[in-house]
Amino acid sequence: MLTNLPILLSYLLVGFLLTFVLIPPFLRLVIRLKLGKQIRDNALVGKAAMFKLLHEHKAGTPTMGALTILASMVILIVLSIIAWYFRDSIHNLTGIRINNSLWSREETYLSIFTLVSMGFVGFIDDLLNTLEK
């Protein structure tokens, strides 16, 4: 089982680098579209003056950053499927044997489902917060 460890660690490194590369253009896009955090003026029971006072420094903070993590995850899964499809050629060229893609490993289904579902919940929350005025 530890024979796959270098490949799994390389997926981890590539995922980190993808996210690292995707964040600056994403932040520029979010700032240009003015999708920053909105601070509420009203609460369910009336004015939220104290809340606004304590949180007004957060106004305009870019949101939806988890989209970059989800995008890098999708790109990484697609790259692992492509690498698995060409596993014989990769083995002949480099000597590295790829036994599974990230999508064909049962151990990753729960992690992928959790990331996607929680990312969706966070996206909806950020979207509702951004559109609220």
C-alpha atoms as a PDB file:
ATOM      1  CA  MET A   1       0.000   0.000   0.000  1.00  0.00           C
ATOM      2  CA  LEU A   2       2.884   2.395   0.662  1.00  0.00           C
ATOM      3  CA  THR A   3       4.058   1.924  -2.921  1.00  0.00           C
ATOM      4  CA  ASN A   4       1.390   4.457  -3.953  1.00  0.00           C
ATOM      5  CA  LEU A   5       2.544   7.005  -1.379  1.00  0.00           C
ATOM      6  CA  PRO A   6       4.891   8.976  -3.708  1.00  0.00           C
ATOM      7  CA  ILE A   7       2.138   9.273  -6.317  1.00  0.00           C
ATOM      8  CA  LEU A   8      -0.416  10.357  -3.717  1.00  0.00           C
ATOM      9  CA  LEU A   9       2.012  12.918  -2.295  1.00  0.00           C
ATOM     10  CA  SER A  10       2.668  14.230  -5.802  1.00  0.00           C
ATOM     11  CA  TYR A  11      -1.107  14.660  -6.255  1.00  0.00           C
ATOM     12  CA  LEU A  12      -1.123  16.600  -2.983  1.00  0.00           C
ATOM     13  CA  LEU A  13       1.721  18.839  -4.163  1.00  0.00           C
ATOM     14  CA  VAL A  14       0.121  19.439  -7.568  1.00  0.00           C
ATOM     15  CA  GLY A  15      -3.204  20.253  -5.887  1.00  0.00           C
ATOM     16  CA  PHE A  16      -1.506  22.778  -3.616  1.00  0.00           C
ATOM     17  CA  LEU A  17       0.335  24.383  -6.537  1.00  0.00           C
ATOM     18  CA  LEU A  18      -2.852  24.542  -8.634  1.00  0.00           C
ATOM     19  CA  THR A  19      -4.706  26.292  -5.827  1.00  0.00           C
ATOM     20  CA  PHE A  20      -1.746  28.608  -5.263  1.00  0.00           C
ATOM     21  CA  VAL A  21      -1.764  29.569  -8.965  1.00  0.00           C
ATOM     22  CA  LEU A  22      -5.563  29.949  -9.224  1.00  0.00           C
ATOM     23  CA  ILE A  23      -6.059  32.222  -6.194  1.00  0.00           C
ATOM     24  CA  PRO A  24      -4.568  35.535  -7.525  1.00  0.00           C
ATOM     25  CA  PRO A  25      -6.626  35.660 -10.757  1.00  0.00           C
ATOM     26  CA  PHE A  26      -9.713  34.566  -8.826  1.00  0.00           C
ATOM     27  CA  LEU A  27      -9.227  37.335  -6.254  1.00  0.00           C
ATOM     28  CA  ARG A  28      -8.805  39.905  -9.038  1.00  0.00           C
ATOM     29  CA  LEU A  29     -12.066  38.677 -10.598  1.00  0.00           C
ATOM     30  CA  VAL A  30     -13.961  38.791  -7.290  1.00  0.00           C
ATOM     31  CA  ILE A  31     -12.697  42.310  -6.560  1.00  0.00           C
ATOM     32  CA  ARG A  32     -13.534  43.508 -10.084  1.00  0.00           C
ATOM     33  CA  LEU A  33     -17.071  42.078  -9.813  1.00  0.00           C
ATOM     34  CA  LYS A  34     -17.398  43.566  -6.292  1.00  0.00           C
ATOM     35  CA  LEU A  35     -18.397  40.241  -4.746  1.00  0.00           C
ATOM     36  CA  GLY A  36     -17.228  41.209  -1.289  1.00  0.00           C
ATOM     37  CA  LYS A  37     -18.778  40.593   2.093  1.00  0.00           C
ATOM     38  CA  GLN A  38     -21.807  42.717   2.940  1.00  0.00           C
ATOM     39  CA  ILE A  39     -22.387  43.760   6.554  1.00  0.00           C
ATOM     40  CA  ARG A  40     -25.994  43.607   7.708  1.00  0.00           C
ATOM     41  CA  ASP A  41     -27.793  46.705   8.928  1.00  0.00           C
ATOM     42  CA  ASN A  42     -30.811  44.860  10.268  1.00  0.00           C
ATOM     43  CA  ALA A  43     -31.301  41.756  12.355  1.00  0.00           C
ATOM     44  CA  LEU A  44     -34.400  39.669  12.993  1.00  0.00           C
ATOM     45  CA  VAL A  45     -35.221  41.753  16.058  1.00  0.00           C
ATOM     46  CA  GLY A  46     -34.450  45.160  14.574  1.00  0.00           C
ATOM     47  CA  LYS A  47     -31.290  47.173  14.068  1.00  0.00           C
ATOM     48  CA  ALA A  48     -27.934  45.463  14.302  1.00  0.00           C
ATOM     49  CA  ALA A  49     -25.899  48.534  15.211  1.00  0.00           C
ATOM     50  CA  MET A  50     -23.458  46.754  17.521  1.00  0.00           C
ATOM     51  CA  PHE A  51     -22.954  43.913  15.026  1.00  0.00           C
ATOM     52  CA  LYS A  52     -22.301  46.393  12.229  1.00  0.00           C
ATOM     53  CA  LEU A  53     -19.881  48.355  14.403  1.00  0.00           C
ATOM     54  CA  LEU A  54     -17.893  45.221  15.254  1.00  0.00           C
ATOM     55  CA  HIS A  55     -17.843  43.853  11.696  1.00  0.00           C
ATOM     56  CA  GLU A  56     -17.677  46.903   9.439  1.00  0.00           C
ATOM     57  CA  HIS A  57     -13.928  46.405   8.853  1.00  0.00           C
ATOM     58  CA  LYS A  58     -14.824  43.154   7.037  1.00  0.00           C
ATOM     59  CA  ALA A  59     -16.949  44.944   4.431  1.00  0.00           C
ATOM     60  CA  GLY A  60     -15.783  44.184   0.912  1.00  0.00           C
ATOM     61  CA  THR A  61     -13.626  41.206   1.922  1.00  0.00           C
ATOM     62  CA  PRO A  62     -13.525  38.840  -1.094  1.00  0.00           C
ATOM     63  CA  THR A  63     -15.655  35.735  -0.630  1.00  0.00           C
ATOM     64  CA  MET A  64     -16.165  32.392  -2.396  1.00  0.00           C
ATOM     65  CA  GLY A  65     -12.478  31.457  -2.176  1.00  0.00           C
ATOM     66  CA  ALA A  66     -13.326  27.776  -1.824  1.00  0.00           C
ATOM     67  CA  LEU A  67     -14.190  27.781  -5.526  1.00  0.00           C
ATOM     68  CA  THR A  68     -10.447  27.767  -6.246  1.00  0.00           C
ATOM     69  CA  ILE A  69     -10.017  24.688  -4.066  1.00  0.00           C
ATOM     70  CA  LEU A  70     -12.917  22.943  -5.796  1.00  0.00           C
ATOM     71  CA  ALA A  71     -11.584  23.919  -9.233  1.00  0.00           C
ATOM     72  CA  SER A  72      -8.118  22.583  -8.433  1.00  0.00           C
ATOM     73  CA  MET A  73      -9.693  19.378  -7.103  1.00  0.00           C
ATOM     74  CA  VAL A  74     -11.625  18.857 -10.352  1.00  0.00           C
ATOM     75  CA  ILE A  75      -8.522  19.598 -12.444  1.00  0.00           C
ATOM     76  CA  LEU A  76      -6.474  17.192 -10.327  1.00  0.00           C
ATOM     77  CA  ILE A  77      -9.056  14.408 -10.661  1.00  0.00           C
ATOM     78  CA  VAL A  78      -9.172  14.883 -14.444  1.00  0.00           C
ATOM     79  CA  LEU A  79      -5.352  14.844 -14.612  1.00  0.00           C
ATOM     80  CA  SER A  80      -5.248  11.647 -12.549  1.00  0.00           C
ATOM     81  CA  ILE A  81      -7.799  10.001 -14.875  1.00  0.00           C
ATOM     82  CA  ILE A  82      -5.685  11.011 -17.887  1.00  0.00           C
ATOM     83  CA  ALA A  83      -2.527   9.697 -16.188  1.00  0.00           C
ATOM     84  CA  TRP A  84      -4.300   6.421 -15.379  1.00  0.00           C
ATOM     85  CA  TYR A  85      -5.505   6.126 -18.986  1.00  0.00           C
ATOM     86  CA  PHE A  86      -1.910   6.527 -20.235  1.00  0.00           C
ATOM     87  CA  ARG A  87      -0.414   4.487 -17.363  1.00  0.00           C
ATOM     88  CA  ASP A  88       1.413   2.043 -19.659  1.00  0.00           C
ATOM     89  CA  SER A  89       3.095   4.829 -21.625  1.00  0.00           C
ATOM     90  CA  ILE A  90       4.023   6.628 -18.402  1.00  0.00           C
ATOM     91  CA  HIS A  91       5.462   3.405 -16.975  1.00  0.00           C
ATOM     92  CA  ASN A  92       7.517   2.781 -20.135  1.00  0.00           C
ATOM     93  CA  LEU A  93       8.862   6.348 -20.180  1.00  0.00           C
ATOM     94  CA  THR A  94       9.500   6.956 -16.491  1.00  0.00           C
ATOM     95  CA  GLY A  95       9.283   3.619 -14.721  1.00  0.00           C
ATOM     96  CA  ILE A  96       6.519   4.985 -12.499  1.00  0.00           C
ATOM     97  CA  ARG A  97       3.574   2.633 -12.165  1.00  0.00           C
ATOM     98  CA  ILE A  98       0.163   4.240 -11.714  1.00  0.00           C
ATOM     99  CA  ASN A  99      -2.323   1.727 -10.329  1.00  0.00           C
ATOM    100  CA  ASN A 100      -5.384   3.947  -9.831  1.00  0.00           C
ATOM    101  CA  SER A 101      -6.730   7.371 -10.612  1.00  0.00           C
ATOM    102  CA  LEU A 102      -8.122   9.500  -7.822  1.00  0.00           C
ATOM    103  CA  TRP A 103     -11.597   8.801  -9.192  1.00  0.00           C
ATOM    104  CA  SER A 104     -11.195   5.012  -9.195  1.00  0.00           C
ATOM    105  CA  ARG A 105     -10.058   4.830  -5.557  1.00  0.00           C
ATOM    106  CA  GLU A 106     -12.958   4.075  -3.230  1.00  0.00           C
ATOM    107  CA  GLU A 107     -11.149   5.841  -0.400  1.00  0.00           C
ATOM    108  CA  THR A 108     -11.607   9.203  -2.095  1.00  0.00           C
ATOM    109  CA  TYR A 109     -15.367   9.121  -2.703  1.00  0.00           C
ATOM    110  CA  LEU A 110     -16.283  10.329   0.781  1.00  0.00           C
ATOM    111  CA  SER A 111     -13.668  13.099   0.676  1.00  0.00           C
ATOM    112  CA  ILE A 112     -14.783  14.262  -2.766  1.00  0.00           C
ATOM    113  CA  PHE A 113     -18.455  14.202  -1.760  1.00  0.00           C
ATOM    114  CA  THR A 114     -17.710  16.128   1.438  1.00  0.00           C
ATOM    115  CA  LEU A 115     -15.637  18.779  -0.358  1.00  0.00           C
ATOM    116  CA  VAL A 116     -18.228  19.274  -3.092  1.00  0.00           C
ATOM    117  CA  SER A 117     -21.252  19.351  -0.778  1.00  0.00           C
ATOM    118  CA  MET A 118     -19.671  21.676   1.795  1.00  0.00           C
ATOM    119  CA  GLY A 119     -18.292  23.836  -1.019  1.00  0.00           C
ATOM    120  CA  PHE A 120     -21.815  24.097  -2.432  1.00  0.00           C
ATOM    121  CA  VAL A 121     -23.237  25.085   0.961  1.00  0.00           C
ATOM    122  CA  GLY A 122     -20.484  27.693   1.419  1.00  0.00           C
ATOM    123  CA  PHE A 123     -21.014  29.022  -2.107  1.00  0.00           C
ATOM    124  CA  ILE A 124     -24.754  29.460  -1.515  1.00  0.00           C
ATOM    125  CA  ASP A 125     -24.063  31.154   1.841  1.00  0.00           C
ATOM    126  CA  ASP A 126     -21.507  33.542   0.318  1.00  0.00           C
ATOM    127  CA  LEU A 127     -23.750  34.232  -2.669  1.00  0.00           C
ATOM    128  CA  LEU A 128     -26.730  35.073  -0.466  1.00  0.00           C
ATOM    129  CA  ASN A 129     -24.518  37.260   1.739  1.00  0.00           C
ATOM    130  CA  THR A 130     -23.074  39.042  -1.307  1.00  0.00           C
ATOM    131  CA  LEU A 131     -26.433  39.677  -2.953  1.00  0.00           C
ATOM    132  CA  GLU A 132     -28.045  40.853   0.299  1.00  0.00           C
ATOM    133  CA  LYS A 133     -28.323  44.629   0.556  1.00  0.00           C
END
